[in-house]
Amino acid sequence: MSKKRETPSGMFMMEMIMVVFFFILCASTCILVFVKANNMSRQAKDLNQSVLAAESIAEVWKAEGEEGLTETLGAQAHTGAGERQYGMFWDRDWNPLSEKAGAAYLADITVSDRDRMSYAEVVISRTEDNRVVFSLETQKYSQTVRGDR
């Protein structure tokens, strides 16, 4: 009777397969972590830029009124039911655009008057998925409100 001997190369091959599998598992985990970190960084940048843009819009509106939105910031007026609406557009690098074509971010500004107060709501969203990135509501006292007699 002859005994079959196991060769050491077979065990070495199994060990190498396990090491390669472990390396692939670690590499895929690291890639997922880096992708998640990149997405979080992009979302944080979007939020930061949106906050700065919304605050700038609100400050110009408080200081200069609706004329400041169109003249200083270049906002475009839209028609609304009883409210005045304006729009602003930016590309992926947050450079202002004059029209919606090619815009990555959109600001919808809604201005209304009630009880001697003027209200403005600024909503900044991404154009590709219509996801709201940031929203800001502000108000100011108005001595002369539209519609008062």
N, C-alpha and C. Protein backbone atom coordinates (compact mmCIF):
# COMPACT_ATOMS: atom_id res chain seq x y z
N MET A 1 0.80 -1.18 0.00
CA MET A 1 0.00 0.00 0.00
C MET A 1 0.85 1.25 0.00
N SER A 2 0.49 2.05 -0.88
CA SER A 2 1.24 3.29 -0.94
C SER A 2 0.40 4.42 -0.35
N LYS A 3 1.00 5.21 0.41
CA LYS A 3 0.35 6.36 1.03
C LYS A 3 0.54 7.60 0.18
N LYS A 4 -0.54 8.33 0.01
CA LYS A 4 -0.45 9.58 -0.74
C LYS A 4 0.02 10.67 0.20
N ARG A 5 1.04 11.32 -0.18
CA ARG A 5 1.55 12.42 0.64
C ARG A 5 1.01 13.73 0.11
N GLU A 6 0.62 14.61 1.03
CA GLU A 6 0.20 15.94 0.64
C GLU A 6 1.44 16.78 0.42
N THR A 7 1.42 17.50 -0.66
CA THR A 7 2.57 18.34 -0.96
C THR A 7 2.42 19.67 -0.25
N PRO A 8 3.52 20.25 0.18
CA PRO A 8 3.44 21.55 0.86
C PRO A 8 2.98 22.66 -0.08
N SER A 9 3.10 22.50 -1.36
CA SER A 9 2.67 23.55 -2.28
C SER A 9 1.15 23.69 -2.28
N GLY A 10 0.40 22.63 -2.03
CA GLY A 10 -1.05 22.71 -1.95
C GLY A 10 -1.49 23.57 -0.77
N MET A 11 -0.87 23.39 0.38
CA MET A 11 -1.18 24.20 1.56
C MET A 11 -0.78 25.67 1.32
N PHE A 12 0.34 25.86 0.67
CA PHE A 12 0.80 27.21 0.37
C PHE A 12 -0.19 27.91 -0.55
N MET A 13 -0.72 27.18 -1.53
CA MET A 13 -1.69 27.75 -2.47
C MET A 13 -2.97 28.15 -1.73
N MET A 14 -3.45 27.32 -0.84
CA MET A 14 -4.65 27.65 -0.05
C MET A 14 -4.41 28.89 0.81
N GLU A 15 -3.25 28.98 1.40
CA GLU A 15 -2.91 30.14 2.23
C GLU A 15 -2.86 31.40 1.38
N MET A 16 -2.29 31.31 0.19
CA MET A 16 -2.23 32.47 -0.69
C MET A 16 -3.63 32.90 -1.14
N ILE A 17 -4.52 31.97 -1.42
CA ILE A 17 -5.88 32.30 -1.80
C ILE A 17 -6.58 33.03 -0.66
N MET A 18 -6.39 32.58 0.57
CA MET A 18 -7.00 33.24 1.73
C MET A 18 -6.44 34.65 1.92
N VAL A 19 -5.15 34.82 1.72
CA VAL A 19 -4.52 36.14 1.85
C VAL A 19 -5.06 37.09 0.79
N VAL A 20 -5.18 36.62 -0.45
CA VAL A 20 -5.70 37.45 -1.54
C VAL A 20 -7.15 37.82 -1.25
N PHE A 21 -7.96 36.87 -0.78
CA PHE A 21 -9.35 37.15 -0.43
C PHE A 21 -9.43 38.21 0.67
N PHE A 22 -8.59 38.08 1.69
CA PHE A 22 -8.57 39.05 2.78
C PHE A 22 -8.15 40.43 2.27
N PHE A 23 -7.16 40.47 1.37
CA PHE A 23 -6.71 41.74 0.79
C PHE A 23 -7.83 42.40 -0.02
N ILE A 24 -8.57 41.62 -0.81
CA ILE A 24 -9.68 42.15 -1.60
C ILE A 24 -10.77 42.69 -0.67
N LEU A 25 -11.05 41.98 0.41
CA LEU A 25 -12.04 42.43 1.38
C LEU A 25 -11.64 43.76 2.01
N CYS A 26 -10.38 43.88 2.42
CA CYS A 26 -9.88 45.13 3.01
C CYS A 26 -9.87 46.27 2.00
N ALA A 27 -9.46 45.98 0.78
CA ALA A 27 -9.40 47.02 -0.26
C ALA A 27 -10.80 47.52 -0.59
N SER A 28 -11.79 46.64 -0.69
CA SER A 28 -13.14 47.09 -1.00
C SER A 28 -13.72 47.92 0.15
N THR A 29 -13.40 47.57 1.38
CA THR A 29 -13.85 48.36 2.53
C THR A 29 -13.23 49.75 2.50
N CYS A 30 -11.94 49.83 2.21
CA CYS A 30 -11.26 51.14 2.13
C CYS A 30 -11.85 52.00 1.01
N ILE A 31 -12.14 51.39 -0.13
CA ILE A 31 -12.72 52.14 -1.24
C ILE A 31 -14.08 52.69 -0.85
N LEU A 32 -14.90 51.88 -0.19
CA LEU A 32 -16.21 52.35 0.26
C LEU A 32 -16.09 53.51 1.25
N VAL A 33 -15.11 53.42 2.14
CA VAL A 33 -14.90 54.51 3.11
C VAL A 33 -14.49 55.79 2.39
N PHE A 34 -13.61 55.70 1.40
CA PHE A 34 -13.18 56.88 0.67
C PHE A 34 -14.31 57.48 -0.16
N VAL A 35 -15.15 56.66 -0.76
CA VAL A 35 -16.29 57.16 -1.53
C VAL A 35 -17.27 57.87 -0.60
N LYS A 36 -17.55 57.28 0.55
CA LYS A 36 -18.45 57.90 1.52
C LYS A 36 -17.88 59.23 2.01
N ALA A 37 -16.58 59.28 2.28
CA ALA A 37 -15.95 60.53 2.72
C ALA A 37 -16.02 61.60 1.63
N ASN A 38 -15.84 61.19 0.38
CA ASN A 38 -15.93 62.15 -0.74
C ASN A 38 -17.35 62.70 -0.85
N ASN A 39 -18.36 61.84 -0.73
CA ASN A 39 -19.75 62.30 -0.79
C ASN A 39 -20.08 63.24 0.35
N MET A 40 -19.60 62.92 1.55
CA MET A 40 -19.85 63.80 2.70
C MET A 40 -19.16 65.15 2.52
N SER A 41 -17.97 65.14 1.95
CA SER A 41 -17.25 66.38 1.70
C SER A 41 -17.99 67.25 0.68
N ARG A 42 -18.50 66.62 -0.38
CA ARG A 42 -19.24 67.36 -1.40
C ARG A 42 -20.53 67.93 -0.83
N GLN A 43 -21.22 67.15 0.00
CA GLN A 43 -22.46 67.64 0.62
C GLN A 43 -22.17 68.79 1.58
N ALA A 44 -21.07 68.70 2.31
CA ALA A 44 -20.70 69.78 3.23
C ALA A 44 -20.36 71.06 2.45
N LYS A 45 -19.67 70.91 1.33
CA LYS A 45 -19.34 72.07 0.49
C LYS A 45 -20.62 72.69 -0.06
N ASP A 46 -21.54 71.86 -0.54
CA ASP A 46 -22.82 72.36 -1.06
C ASP A 46 -23.58 73.12 0.02
N LEU A 47 -23.65 72.54 1.21
CA LEU A 47 -24.37 73.18 2.30
C LEU A 47 -23.72 74.51 2.68
N ASN A 48 -22.40 74.52 2.79
CA ASN A 48 -21.68 75.75 3.16
C ASN A 48 -21.90 76.85 2.13
N GLN A 49 -21.78 76.52 0.85
CA GLN A 49 -21.98 77.51 -0.20
C GLN A 49 -23.44 77.98 -0.24
N SER A 50 -24.38 77.05 0.01
CA SER A 50 -25.80 77.41 0.02
C SER A 50 -26.12 78.37 1.14
N VAL A 51 -25.55 78.12 2.31
CA VAL A 51 -25.77 79.01 3.46
C VAL A 51 -25.23 80.40 3.14
N LEU A 52 -24.03 80.47 2.59
CA LEU A 52 -23.44 81.77 2.25
C LEU A 52 -24.29 82.50 1.20
N ALA A 53 -24.75 81.78 0.19
CA ALA A 53 -25.56 82.40 -0.86
C ALA A 53 -26.89 82.89 -0.30
N ALA A 54 -27.55 82.07 0.52
CA ALA A 54 -28.85 82.45 1.08
C ALA A 54 -28.71 83.65 2.01
N GLU A 55 -27.67 83.67 2.82
CA GLU A 55 -27.44 84.82 3.71
C GLU A 55 -27.16 86.08 2.91
N SER A 56 -26.39 85.97 1.84
CA SER A 56 -26.12 87.14 1.00
C SER A 56 -27.40 87.66 0.36
N ILE A 57 -28.23 86.75 -0.14
CA ILE A 57 -29.50 87.16 -0.75
C ILE A 57 -30.37 87.86 0.28
N ALA A 58 -30.46 87.28 1.48
CA ALA A 58 -31.30 87.87 2.53
C ALA A 58 -30.78 89.25 2.95
N GLU A 59 -29.49 89.42 3.07
CA GLU A 59 -28.93 90.70 3.47
C GLU A 59 -29.14 91.77 2.40
N VAL A 60 -28.97 91.41 1.14
CA VAL A 60 -29.22 92.37 0.06
C VAL A 60 -30.69 92.75 0.04
N TRP A 61 -31.60 91.77 0.22
CA TRP A 61 -33.03 92.07 0.24
C TRP A 61 -33.38 92.99 1.41
N LYS A 62 -32.79 92.75 2.59
CA LYS A 62 -33.08 93.60 3.74
C LYS A 62 -32.56 95.02 3.54
N ALA A 63 -31.40 95.15 2.92
CA ALA A 63 -30.78 96.46 2.76
C ALA A 63 -31.36 97.24 1.57
N GLU A 64 -31.58 96.57 0.45
CA GLU A 64 -31.95 97.27 -0.78
C GLU A 64 -33.34 96.93 -1.30
N GLY A 65 -34.00 95.97 -0.70
CA GLY A 65 -35.33 95.58 -1.16
C GLY A 65 -35.27 94.72 -2.41
N GLU A 66 -36.40 94.65 -3.07
CA GLU A 66 -36.48 93.80 -4.27
C GLU A 66 -35.66 94.33 -5.42
N GLU A 67 -35.46 95.65 -5.46
CA GLU A 67 -34.61 96.22 -6.50
C GLU A 67 -33.18 95.70 -6.35
N GLY A 68 -32.74 95.51 -5.13
CA GLY A 68 -31.39 94.97 -4.90
C GLY A 68 -31.24 93.55 -5.40
N LEU A 69 -32.33 92.78 -5.31
CA LEU A 69 -32.27 91.41 -5.81
C LEU A 69 -32.01 91.38 -7.31
N THR A 70 -32.71 92.26 -8.03
CA THR A 70 -32.56 92.25 -9.49
C THR A 70 -31.32 93.01 -9.96
N GLU A 71 -31.05 94.16 -9.35
CA GLU A 71 -29.95 95.00 -9.83
C GLU A 71 -28.59 94.55 -9.27
N THR A 72 -28.52 94.30 -7.99
CA THR A 72 -27.24 93.94 -7.37
C THR A 72 -26.88 92.49 -7.62
N LEU A 73 -27.85 91.59 -7.41
CA LEU A 73 -27.57 90.15 -7.52
C LEU A 73 -27.90 89.56 -8.88
N GLY A 74 -28.68 90.27 -9.68
CA GLY A 74 -29.04 89.75 -11.00
C GLY A 74 -30.12 88.68 -10.97
N ALA A 75 -30.96 88.70 -9.95
CA ALA A 75 -32.06 87.74 -9.87
C ALA A 75 -33.09 88.03 -10.94
N GLN A 76 -33.74 86.99 -11.42
CA GLN A 76 -34.75 87.13 -12.46
C GLN A 76 -36.13 87.02 -11.83
N ALA A 77 -37.01 87.95 -12.16
CA ALA A 77 -38.36 87.97 -11.59
C ALA A 77 -39.25 86.96 -12.30
N HIS A 78 -40.11 86.29 -11.51
CA HIS A 78 -41.11 85.36 -12.01
C HIS A 78 -42.47 85.83 -11.54
N THR A 79 -43.50 85.30 -12.13
CA THR A 79 -44.85 85.66 -11.69
C THR A 79 -45.33 84.63 -10.68
N GLY A 80 -46.07 85.11 -9.68
CA GLY A 80 -46.63 84.23 -8.67
C GLY A 80 -47.99 84.74 -8.24
N ALA A 81 -48.75 83.91 -7.58
CA ALA A 81 -50.09 84.28 -7.12
C ALA A 81 -49.99 85.08 -5.84
N GLY A 82 -50.03 86.41 -5.94
CA GLY A 82 -50.00 87.27 -4.76
C GLY A 82 -48.63 87.43 -4.15
N GLU A 83 -47.65 86.71 -4.64
CA GLU A 83 -46.29 86.80 -4.13
C GLU A 83 -45.36 87.15 -5.28
N ARG A 84 -44.27 87.80 -4.94
CA ARG A 84 -43.27 88.10 -5.94
C ARG A 84 -42.18 87.03 -5.83
N GLN A 85 -41.81 86.46 -6.96
CA GLN A 85 -40.82 85.40 -6.96
C GLN A 85 -39.64 85.77 -7.86
N TYR A 86 -38.47 85.35 -7.42
CA TYR A 86 -37.23 85.62 -8.13
C TYR A 86 -36.42 84.33 -8.19
N GLY A 87 -35.56 84.24 -9.17
CA GLY A 87 -34.70 83.07 -9.31
C GLY A 87 -33.27 83.46 -9.60
N MET A 88 -32.36 82.66 -9.07
CA MET A 88 -30.92 82.83 -9.33
C MET A 88 -30.34 81.47 -9.64
N PHE A 89 -29.25 81.45 -10.42
CA PHE A 89 -28.66 80.20 -10.88
C PHE A 89 -27.15 80.23 -10.71
N TRP A 90 -26.58 79.05 -10.41
CA TRP A 90 -25.12 78.89 -10.29
C TRP A 90 -24.70 77.61 -11.00
N ASP A 91 -23.44 77.58 -11.44
CA ASP A 91 -22.90 76.36 -12.03
C ASP A 91 -22.33 75.46 -10.92
N ARG A 92 -21.65 74.40 -11.30
CA ARG A 92 -21.12 73.44 -10.31
C ARG A 92 -20.08 74.05 -9.37
N ASP A 93 -19.39 75.08 -9.83
CA ASP A 93 -18.37 75.74 -9.01
C ASP A 93 -18.91 76.98 -8.31
N TRP A 94 -20.23 77.14 -8.29
CA TRP A 94 -20.92 78.25 -7.63
C TRP A 94 -20.60 79.59 -8.28
N ASN A 95 -20.37 79.59 -9.57
CA ASN A 95 -20.25 80.84 -10.32
C ASN A 95 -21.65 81.22 -10.80
N PRO A 96 -22.05 82.49 -10.64
CA PRO A 96 -23.41 82.88 -11.03
C PRO A 96 -23.64 82.77 -12.54
N LEU A 97 -24.85 82.36 -12.89
CA LEU A 97 -25.26 82.25 -14.29
C LEU A 97 -26.46 83.15 -14.52
N SER A 98 -26.65 83.58 -15.76
CA SER A 98 -27.77 84.46 -16.06
C SER A 98 -29.03 83.70 -16.47
N GLU A 99 -28.90 82.41 -16.76
CA GLU A 99 -30.06 81.63 -17.14
C GLU A 99 -29.96 80.22 -16.57
N LYS A 100 -31.06 79.50 -16.61
CA LYS A 100 -31.13 78.18 -15.99
C LYS A 100 -30.36 77.11 -16.75
N ALA A 101 -30.15 77.31 -18.04
CA ALA A 101 -29.43 76.32 -18.85
C ALA A 101 -28.01 76.14 -18.31
N GLY A 102 -27.66 74.92 -17.97
CA GLY A 102 -26.34 74.62 -17.45
C GLY A 102 -26.18 74.87 -15.97
N ALA A 103 -27.25 75.22 -15.29
CA ALA A 103 -27.17 75.52 -13.86
C ALA A 103 -27.17 74.23 -13.04
N ALA A 104 -26.34 74.19 -12.01
CA ALA A 104 -26.31 73.06 -11.10
C ALA A 104 -27.07 73.37 -9.81
N TYR A 105 -27.18 74.66 -9.48
CA TYR A 105 -27.88 75.08 -8.26
C TYR A 105 -28.85 76.20 -8.61
N LEU A 106 -29.96 76.22 -7.90
CA LEU A 106 -31.04 77.16 -8.18
C LEU A 106 -31.52 77.76 -6.86
N ALA A 107 -31.72 79.08 -6.85
CA ALA A 107 -32.30 79.75 -5.68
C ALA A 107 -33.68 80.27 -6.06
N ASP A 108 -34.69 79.86 -5.31
CA ASP A 108 -36.04 80.39 -5.45
C ASP A 108 -36.28 81.36 -4.31
N ILE A 109 -36.56 82.61 -4.64
CA ILE A 109 -36.78 83.65 -3.64
C ILE A 109 -38.23 84.08 -3.74
N THR A 110 -38.97 83.95 -2.65
CA THR A 110 -40.38 84.34 -2.62
C THR A 110 -40.54 85.47 -1.62
N VAL A 111 -41.09 86.59 -2.08
CA VAL A 111 -41.29 87.77 -1.24
C VAL A 111 -42.78 88.02 -1.10
N SER A 112 -43.24 88.26 0.12
CA SER A 112 -44.65 88.55 0.36
C SER A 112 -44.78 89.58 1.48
N ASP A 113 -45.95 90.19 1.59
CA ASP A 113 -46.23 91.21 2.60
C ASP A 113 -47.46 90.81 3.39
N ARG A 114 -47.36 90.94 4.72
CA ARG A 114 -48.50 90.71 5.60
C ARG A 114 -48.30 91.53 6.87
N ASP A 115 -49.35 92.20 7.29
CA ASP A 115 -49.36 92.90 8.58
C ASP A 115 -48.15 93.83 8.76
N ARG A 116 -47.92 94.69 7.77
CA ARG A 116 -46.84 95.68 7.80
C ARG A 116 -45.45 95.05 7.93
N MET A 117 -45.36 93.78 7.58
CA MET A 117 -44.07 93.08 7.56
C MET A 117 -43.84 92.53 6.15
N SER A 118 -42.61 92.53 5.73
CA SER A 118 -42.24 91.90 4.47
C SER A 118 -41.49 90.61 4.80
N TYR A 119 -41.84 89.56 4.10
CA TYR A 119 -41.23 88.25 4.33
C TYR A 119 -40.53 87.79 3.06
N ALA A 120 -39.41 87.14 3.25
CA ALA A 120 -38.69 86.55 2.12
C ALA A 120 -38.27 85.14 2.51
N GLU A 121 -38.49 84.22 1.59
CA GLU A 121 -38.04 82.84 1.77
C GLU A 121 -37.08 82.52 0.65
N VAL A 122 -35.89 82.05 1.01
CA VAL A 122 -34.86 81.69 0.05
C VAL A 122 -34.66 80.18 0.13
N VAL A 123 -34.88 79.50 -0.97
CA VAL A 123 -34.72 78.04 -1.03
C VAL A 123 -33.68 77.74 -2.10
N ILE A 124 -32.59 77.11 -1.70
CA ILE A 124 -31.53 76.76 -2.64
C ILE A 124 -31.55 75.25 -2.81
N SER A 125 -31.61 74.82 -4.07
CA SER A 125 -31.70 73.39 -4.36
C SER A 125 -30.78 73.02 -5.53
N ARG A 126 -30.54 71.72 -5.63
CA ARG A 126 -29.76 71.20 -6.76
C ARG A 126 -30.71 70.97 -7.92
N THR A 127 -30.32 71.32 -9.12
CA THR A 127 -31.21 71.19 -10.27
C THR A 127 -31.31 69.75 -10.76
N GLU A 128 -30.27 68.95 -10.57
CA GLU A 128 -30.30 67.60 -11.14
C GLU A 128 -31.27 66.67 -10.42
N ASP A 129 -31.45 66.84 -9.11
CA ASP A 129 -32.36 65.96 -8.39
C ASP A 129 -33.42 66.72 -7.59
N ASN A 130 -33.48 68.05 -7.76
CA ASN A 130 -34.45 68.91 -7.07
C ASN A 130 -34.40 68.76 -5.55
N ARG A 131 -33.24 68.39 -5.02
CA ARG A 131 -33.08 68.24 -3.58
C ARG A 131 -32.77 69.60 -2.97
N VAL A 132 -33.53 69.96 -1.93
CA VAL A 132 -33.30 71.23 -1.25
C VAL A 132 -32.03 71.11 -0.42
N VAL A 133 -31.09 72.01 -0.67
CA VAL A 133 -29.84 72.01 0.07
C VAL A 133 -29.96 72.87 1.32
N PHE A 134 -30.61 74.05 1.18
CA PHE A 134 -30.74 74.94 2.32
C PHE A 134 -31.95 75.85 2.10
N SER A 135 -32.62 76.19 3.18
CA SER A 135 -33.77 77.08 3.12
C SER A 135 -33.65 78.10 4.24
N LEU A 136 -33.98 79.35 3.92
CA LEU A 136 -33.86 80.44 4.89
C LEU A 136 -35.09 81.33 4.79
N GLU A 137 -35.68 81.64 5.93
CA GLU A 137 -36.81 82.56 5.98
C GLU A 137 -36.37 83.79 6.77
N THR A 138 -36.71 84.96 6.24
CA THR A 138 -36.34 86.20 6.91
C THR A 138 -37.49 87.19 6.77
N GLN A 139 -37.46 88.22 7.59
CA GLN A 139 -38.53 89.22 7.56
C GLN A 139 -37.95 90.58 7.94
N LYS A 140 -38.67 91.62 7.55
CA LYS A 140 -38.28 92.97 7.93
C LYS A 140 -39.54 93.82 8.06
N TYR A 141 -39.45 94.83 8.88
CA TYR A 141 -40.57 95.74 9.06
C TYR A 141 -40.65 96.65 7.85
N SER A 142 -41.84 96.83 7.35
CA SER A 142 -42.05 97.67 6.18
C SER A 142 -43.02 98.79 6.54
N GLN A 143 -42.58 100.04 6.41
CA GLN A 143 -43.44 101.17 6.73
C GLN A 143 -44.56 101.30 5.71
N THR A 144 -44.25 101.05 4.46
CA THR A 144 -45.29 101.08 3.42
C THR A 144 -45.32 99.71 2.79
N VAL A 145 -46.42 99.04 2.96
CA VAL A 145 -46.58 97.70 2.43
C VAL A 145 -47.48 97.77 1.22
N ARG A 146 -47.19 96.99 0.20
CA ARG A 146 -48.02 96.98 -1.00
C ARG A 146 -49.44 96.57 -0.62
N GLY A 147 -50.39 97.27 -1.14
CA GLY A 147 -51.78 96.92 -0.90
C GLY A 147 -52.37 97.74 0.26
N ASP A 148 -51.54 98.47 1.04
CA ASP A 148 -52.07 99.32 2.13
C ASP A 148 -52.70 100.57 1.51
N ARG A 149 -53.68 101.11 2.21
CA ARG A 149 -54.34 102.34 1.72
C ARG A 149 -54.03 103.49 2.59
